[in-house]
C-alpha atoms as a PDB file:
ATOM      1  CA  ILE A   1       1.447  -3.000  24.501  1.00  0.00           C
ATOM      2  CA  GLU A   2       5.206  -3.475  24.743  1.00  0.00           C
ATOM      3  CA  ARG A   3       4.927  -7.242  24.325  1.00  0.00           C
ATOM      4  CA  ALA A   4       2.659  -6.848  21.283  1.00  0.00           C
ATOM      5  CA  ASP A   5       5.006  -4.294  19.700  1.00  0.00           C
ATOM      6  CA  ASP A   6       8.036  -6.508  20.437  1.00  0.00           C
ATOM      7  CA  ARG A   7       6.298  -9.337  18.572  1.00  0.00           C
ATOM      8  CA  GLY A   8       5.629  -7.218  15.483  1.00  0.00           C
ATOM      9  CA  ALA A   9       2.027  -6.217  16.155  1.00  0.00           C
ATOM     10  CA  ILE A  10       0.952  -2.757  15.100  1.00  0.00           C
ATOM     11  CA  VAL A  11      -0.897  -1.316  18.109  1.00  0.00           C
ATOM     12  CA  ILE A  12      -3.410   1.241  16.825  1.00  0.00           C
ATOM     13  CA  CYS A  13      -5.308   3.328  19.382  1.00  0.00           C
ATOM     14  CA  ALA A  14      -8.057   5.917  19.182  1.00  0.00           C
ATOM     15  CA  ALA A  15      -6.625   9.303  20.212  1.00  0.00           C
ATOM     16  CA  GLY A  16      -9.698  10.161  22.292  1.00  0.00           C
ATOM     17  CA  ASN A  17     -12.604  12.556  22.083  1.00  0.00           C
ATOM     18  CA  GLU A  18     -11.516  15.210  24.577  1.00  0.00           C
ATOM     19  CA  GLY A  19     -10.691  17.896  22.003  1.00  0.00           C
ATOM     20  CA  ARG A  20      -7.615  19.979  21.409  1.00  0.00           C
ATOM     21  CA  GLY A  21      -4.520  19.685  23.558  1.00  0.00           C
ATOM     22  CA  THR A  22      -5.400  16.342  25.128  1.00  0.00           C
ATOM     23  CA  ILE A  23      -4.930  12.682  24.271  1.00  0.00           C
ATOM     24  CA  SER A  24      -6.130   9.498  25.913  1.00  0.00           C
ATOM     25  CA  TRP A  25      -4.112   6.578  27.216  1.00  0.00           C
ATOM     26  CA  PRO A  26      -3.007   4.215  25.669  1.00  0.00           C
ATOM     27  CA  ALA A  27      -2.859   6.373  22.513  1.00  0.00           C
ATOM     28  CA  ALA A  28      -0.351   8.659  24.247  1.00  0.00           C
ATOM     29  CA  GLY A  29       2.078   5.758  24.709  1.00  0.00           C
ATOM     30  CA  PRO A  30       5.362   5.709  22.779  1.00  0.00           C
ATOM     31  CA  ARG A  31       4.745   2.260  21.239  1.00  0.00           C
ATOM     32  CA  THR A  32       1.289   2.894  19.862  1.00  0.00           C
ATOM     33  CA  VAL A  33      -0.013   4.423  16.654  1.00  0.00           C
ATOM     34  CA  SER A  34      -2.489   7.151  17.566  1.00  0.00           C
ATOM     35  CA  GLN A  35      -5.437   7.883  15.259  1.00  0.00           C
ATOM     36  CA  GLY A  36      -7.461  11.084  15.322  1.00  0.00           C
ATOM     37  CA  ALA A  37     -10.724  11.737  13.485  1.00  0.00           C
ATOM     38  CA  ILE A  38     -11.769  13.909  10.564  1.00  0.00           C
ATOM     39  CA  ASP A  39     -15.051  14.611   8.860  1.00  0.00           C
ATOM     40  CA  HIS A  40     -14.169  12.762   5.651  1.00  0.00           C
ATOM     41  CA  LYS A  41     -16.582  14.795   3.510  1.00  0.00           C
ATOM     42  CA  GLN A  42     -15.000  18.120   4.506  1.00  0.00           C
ATOM     43  CA  ARG A  43     -11.493  16.687   5.193  1.00  0.00           C
ATOM     44  CA  LYS A  44     -11.402  18.780   8.381  1.00  0.00           C
ATOM     45  CA  LEU A  45     -10.510  17.775  11.924  1.00  0.00           C
ATOM     46  CA  ALA A  46     -13.513  16.662  13.959  1.00  0.00           C
ATOM     47  CA  ASP A  47     -14.229  19.093  16.809  1.00  0.00           C
ATOM     48  CA  PHE A  48     -14.015  16.302  19.378  1.00  0.00           C
ATOM     49  CA  SER A  49     -10.748  14.719  18.133  1.00  0.00           C
ATOM     50  CA  SER A  50      -7.983  14.841  20.742  1.00  0.00           C
ATOM     51  CA  THR A  51      -4.784  16.516  19.609  1.00  0.00           C
ATOM     52  CA  ASN A  52      -1.167  16.726  20.714  1.00  0.00           C
ATOM     53  CA  GLN A  53       2.295  15.499  19.734  1.00  0.00           C
ATOM     54  CA  ALA A  54       1.243  11.832  20.047  1.00  0.00           C
ATOM     55  CA  VAL A  55      -1.271  11.938  17.136  1.00  0.00           C
ATOM     56  CA  ASN A  56       0.175  10.047  14.169  1.00  0.00           C
ATOM     57  CA  PHE A  57      -2.680  10.059  11.641  1.00  0.00           C
ATOM     58  CA  VAL A  58      -6.328  10.944  11.100  1.00  0.00           C
ATOM     59  CA  GLY A  59      -9.112   9.026   9.418  1.00  0.00           C
ATOM     60  CA  PRO A  60     -12.857   9.121   8.837  1.00  0.00           C
ATOM     61  CA  GLY A  61     -14.558   9.379  12.226  1.00  0.00           C
ATOM     62  CA  VAL A  62     -17.708  11.477  11.765  1.00  0.00           C
ATOM     63  CA  ARG A  63     -21.104   9.936  10.979  1.00  0.00           C
ATOM     64  CA  ILE A  64     -19.738   6.398  10.437  1.00  0.00           C
ATOM     65  CA  LEU A  65     -22.221   3.556   9.984  1.00  0.00           C
ATOM     66  CA  SER A  66     -21.291   0.843  12.472  1.00  0.00           C
ATOM     67  CA  THR A  67     -22.685  -2.270  14.072  1.00  0.00           C
ATOM     68  CA  TYR A  68     -24.414  -1.555  17.337  1.00  0.00           C
ATOM     69  CA  LYS A  69     -25.454  -3.465  20.421  1.00  0.00           C
ATOM     70  CA  GLY A  70     -28.577  -5.534  20.033  1.00  0.00           C
ATOM     71  CA  GLY A  71     -27.642  -6.618  16.507  1.00  0.00           C
ATOM     72  CA  GLY A  72     -28.439  -3.390  14.723  1.00  0.00           C
ATOM     73  CA  TYR A  73     -26.591  -0.520  13.113  1.00  0.00           C
ATOM     74  CA  ALA A  74     -26.048   3.072  14.144  1.00  0.00           C
ATOM     75  CA  THR A  75     -24.317   6.147  12.783  1.00  0.00           C
ATOM     76  CA  LEU A  76     -21.587   7.041  15.261  1.00  0.00           C
ATOM     77  CA  SER A  77     -18.773   9.575  15.565  1.00  0.00           C
ATOM     78  CA  GLY A  78     -15.490   9.387  17.452  1.00  0.00           C
ATOM     79  CA  THR A  79     -11.841   8.462  17.192  1.00  0.00           C
ATOM     80  CA  SER A  80     -12.985   4.915  17.981  1.00  0.00           C
ATOM     81  CA  MET A  81     -14.689   4.975  14.574  1.00  0.00           C
ATOM     82  CA  ALA A  82     -11.495   6.245  12.907  1.00  0.00           C
ATOM     83  CA  ALA A  83      -9.076   3.733  14.472  1.00  0.00           C
ATOM     84  CA  PRO A  84     -10.561   0.656  12.717  1.00  0.00           C
ATOM     85  CA  TRP A  85     -10.042   2.387   9.368  1.00  0.00           C
ATOM     86  CA  LEU A  86      -6.304   2.589  10.087  1.00  0.00           C
ATOM     87  CA  ALA A  87      -6.299  -0.981  11.435  1.00  0.00           C
ATOM     88  CA  GLY A  88      -7.844  -2.074   8.138  1.00  0.00           C
ATOM     89  CA  LEU A  89      -5.058  -0.289   6.274  1.00  0.00           C
ATOM     90  CA  ALA A  90      -2.479  -2.082   8.433  1.00  0.00           C
ATOM     91  CA  ALA A  91      -4.165  -5.407   7.585  1.00  0.00           C
ATOM     92  CA  LEU A  92      -4.079  -4.545   3.877  1.00  0.00           C
ATOM     93  CA  LEU A  93      -0.408  -3.647   4.096  1.00  0.00           C
ATOM     94  CA  VAL A  94       0.518  -6.891   5.855  1.00  0.00           C
ATOM     95  CA  SER A  95      -1.687  -9.030   3.572  1.00  0.00           C
ATOM     96  CA  GLY A  96      -0.213  -7.284   0.532  1.00  0.00           C
ATOM     97  CA  GLU A  97       3.241  -8.343   1.694  1.00  0.00           C
ATOM     98  CA  ILE A  98       2.004 -11.915   2.052  1.00  0.00           C
ATOM     99  CA  ALA A  99       0.610 -11.790  -1.499  1.00  0.00           C
ATOM    100  CA  HIS A 100       3.897 -10.432  -2.920  1.00  0.00           C
ATOM    101  CA  THR A 101       6.397 -12.479  -0.931  1.00  0.00           C
ATOM    102  CA  GLY A 102       4.421 -15.509   0.244  1.00  0.00           C
ATOM    103  CA  LYS A 103       5.298 -14.788   3.863  1.00  0.00           C
ATOM    104  CA  PRO A 104       4.075 -12.343   6.477  1.00  0.00           C
ATOM    105  CA  GLN A 105       6.021  -9.165   7.010  1.00  0.00           C
ATOM    106  CA  THR A 106       6.063  -7.774  10.521  1.00  0.00           C
ATOM    107  CA  PHE A 107       6.237  -4.057  11.142  1.00  0.00           C
ATOM    108  CA  SER A 108       6.977  -2.337  14.388  1.00  0.00           C
ATOM    109  CA  GLY A 109       4.672   0.542  15.181  1.00  0.00           C
ATOM    110  CA  ARG A 110       7.523   2.942  14.346  1.00  0.00           C
ATOM    111  CA  ASP A 111       8.160   1.264  10.956  1.00  0.00           C
ATOM    112  CA  PHE A 112       4.463   1.381  10.175  1.00  0.00           C
ATOM    113  CA  VAL A 113       4.316   5.111  11.019  1.00  0.00           C
ATOM    114  CA  LYS A 114       7.374   5.849   8.841  1.00  0.00           C
ATOM    115  CA  ASN A 115       5.926   4.005   5.840  1.00  0.00           C
ATOM    116  CA  VAL A 116       2.382   5.313   6.158  1.00  0.00           C
ATOM    117  CA  ALA A 117       3.537   8.906   6.795  1.00  0.00           C
ATOM    118  CA  LEU A 118       4.939   9.013   3.253  1.00  0.00           C
ATOM    119  CA  ALA A 119       1.570   7.995   1.817  1.00  0.00           C
ATOM    120  CA  CYS A 120      -0.573  10.662   3.507  1.00  0.00           C
ATOM    121  CA  ASP A 121      -2.427  13.709   2.329  1.00  0.00           C
ATOM    122  CA  ASP A 122      -1.145  16.472   4.608  1.00  0.00           C
ATOM    123  CA  LEU A 123      -4.334  18.159   5.815  1.00  0.00           C
ATOM    124  CA  GLY A 124      -2.909  20.555   8.414  1.00  0.00           C
ATOM    125  CA  ARG A 125       0.130  22.764   8.571  1.00  0.00           C
ATOM    126  CA  ALA A 126       2.945  21.615   6.291  1.00  0.00           C
ATOM    127  CA  GLY A 127       4.592  18.524   7.746  1.00  0.00           C
ATOM    128  CA  ARG A 128       3.555  16.729  10.923  1.00  0.00           C
ATOM    129  CA  ASP A 129       1.338  18.717  13.294  1.00  0.00           C
ATOM    130  CA  ASP A 130      -0.465  18.068  16.580  1.00  0.00           C
ATOM    131  CA  ALA A 131      -3.959  18.105  15.043  1.00  0.00           C
ATOM    132  CA  TYR A 132      -3.619  15.883  11.955  1.00  0.00           C
ATOM    133  CA  GLY A 133      -0.331  14.124  12.724  1.00  0.00           C
ATOM    134  CA  PHE A 134       1.160  13.200   9.343  1.00  0.00           C
ATOM    135  CA  GLY A 135      -2.275  13.472   7.763  1.00  0.00           C
ATOM    136  CA  LEU A 136      -4.794  11.173   6.123  1.00  0.00           C
ATOM    137  CA  PRO A 137      -3.256   7.876   4.899  1.00  0.00           C
ATOM    138  CA  ILE A 138      -4.149   7.080   1.282  1.00  0.00           C
ATOM    139  CA  PRO A 139      -4.447   3.291   0.945  1.00  0.00           C
ATOM    140  CA  ARG A 140      -3.932   3.066  -2.830  1.00  0.00           C
ATOM    141  CA  ARG A 141      -0.783   5.157  -2.570  1.00  0.00           C
ATOM    142  CA  LEU A 142       0.692   2.995   0.167  1.00  0.00           C
ATOM    143  CA  LEU A 143      -0.277  -0.339  -1.345  1.00  0.00           C
ATOM    144  CA  ALA A 144       1.034   0.581  -4.802  1.00  0.00           C
ATOM    145  CA  ALA A 145       4.623   0.675  -3.520  1.00  0.00           C
ATOM    146  CA  PRO A 146       6.846  -1.841  -1.748  1.00  0.00           C
ATOM    147  CA  ALA A 147       6.548  -1.457   2.034  1.00  0.00           C
ATOM    148  CA  ASP A 148      10.139  -0.248   2.358  1.00  0.00           C
ATOM    149  CA  LYS A 149       9.868   2.375  -0.415  1.00  0.00           C
ATOM    150  CA  PRO A 150       6.532   4.235  -0.385  1.00  0.00           C
ATOM    151  CA  GLN A 151       5.829   6.527  -3.322  1.00  0.00           C
ATOM    152  CA  GLN A 152       5.843  10.268  -2.929  1.00  0.00           C
ATOM    153  CA  PRO A 153       2.412  11.668  -1.998  1.00  0.00           C
ATOM    154  CA  GLN A 154       0.097  12.605  -4.855  1.00  0.00           C
ATOM    155  CA  PRO A 155      -3.279  14.310  -4.380  1.00  0.00           C
ATOM    156  CA  THR A 156      -6.107  11.759  -4.423  1.00  0.00           C
ATOM    157  CA  ARG A 157      -9.549  11.139  -2.981  1.00  0.00           C
ATOM    158  CA  THR A 158     -10.276   9.455   0.331  1.00  0.00           C
ATOM    159  CA  LEU A 159     -11.317   5.821   0.007  1.00  0.00           C
ATOM    160  CA  SER A 160     -14.764   5.008   1.281  1.00  0.00           C
ATOM    161  CA  TRP A 161     -15.386   2.105   3.650  1.00  0.00           C
ATOM    162  CA  ALA A 162     -16.854   0.198   0.692  1.00  0.00           C
ATOM    163  CA  ASP A 163     -13.691   0.772  -1.394  1.00  0.00           C
ATOM    164  CA  LEU A 164     -11.470  -0.314   1.506  1.00  0.00           C
ATOM    165  CA  LEU A 165     -13.515  -3.472   2.074  1.00  0.00           C
ATOM    166  CA  LYS A 166     -13.486  -4.262  -1.653  1.00  0.00           C
ATOM    167  CA  ILE A 167      -9.683  -4.031  -1.757  1.00  0.00           C
ATOM    168  CA  LEU A 168      -9.389  -6.200   1.357  1.00  0.00           C
ATOM    169  CA  LEU A 169     -11.733  -8.830  -0.100  1.00  0.00           C
ATOM    170  CA  GLU A 170      -9.824  -8.862  -3.402  1.00  0.00           C
ATOM    171  CA  LEU A 171      -6.545  -9.431  -1.558  1.00  0.00           C
ATOM    172  CA  LEU A 172      -8.043 -12.136   0.646  1.00  0.00           C
ATOM    173  CA  LEU A 173      -9.591 -13.956  -2.327  1.00  0.00           C
ATOM    174  CA  LYS A 174      -6.321 -13.729  -4.231  1.00  0.00           C
ATOM    175  CA  ASN A 175      -4.532 -15.393  -1.280  1.00  0.00           C
ATOM    176  CA  VAL A 176      -7.142 -18.184  -1.085  1.00  0.00           C
ATOM    177  CA  LYS A 177      -6.552 -19.354  -4.674  1.00  0.00           C
END
């Protein structure tokens, strides 16, 4: 984890499914970005989502359609379903920098947290809290601003997986041309 962070990788970890007051390793580590889970339809913390001071963000993690062993699909719940959503946002952020500047931008985990925290819907108590961290990152809000100067949060809807994939594909196709 330290070597990856030192080299500019954003290390995103699922917070765990042990419930309130607990968090799994490596998500509890100081050089990781810890992702909890919400029910994205209700915008409420999932009952199973681990919570404590290490949680940075939350994302959709309840009833997520995913690939499954044996080549099929299944509807699953867990912070392991929420973490890829944040990893996709990190990929969009880095690829957006490539599109704007022509070169990759590296972010430490701490820089990533600082930038994304300003582009979140705060779903819990005002400010950072142990359940929701800084809240639910809003991709359009983050990607609309330069990485070093995120816009102030504005209420918006949560992007679906389909919306997130569409944005990623548009950015990738733009970089191929």
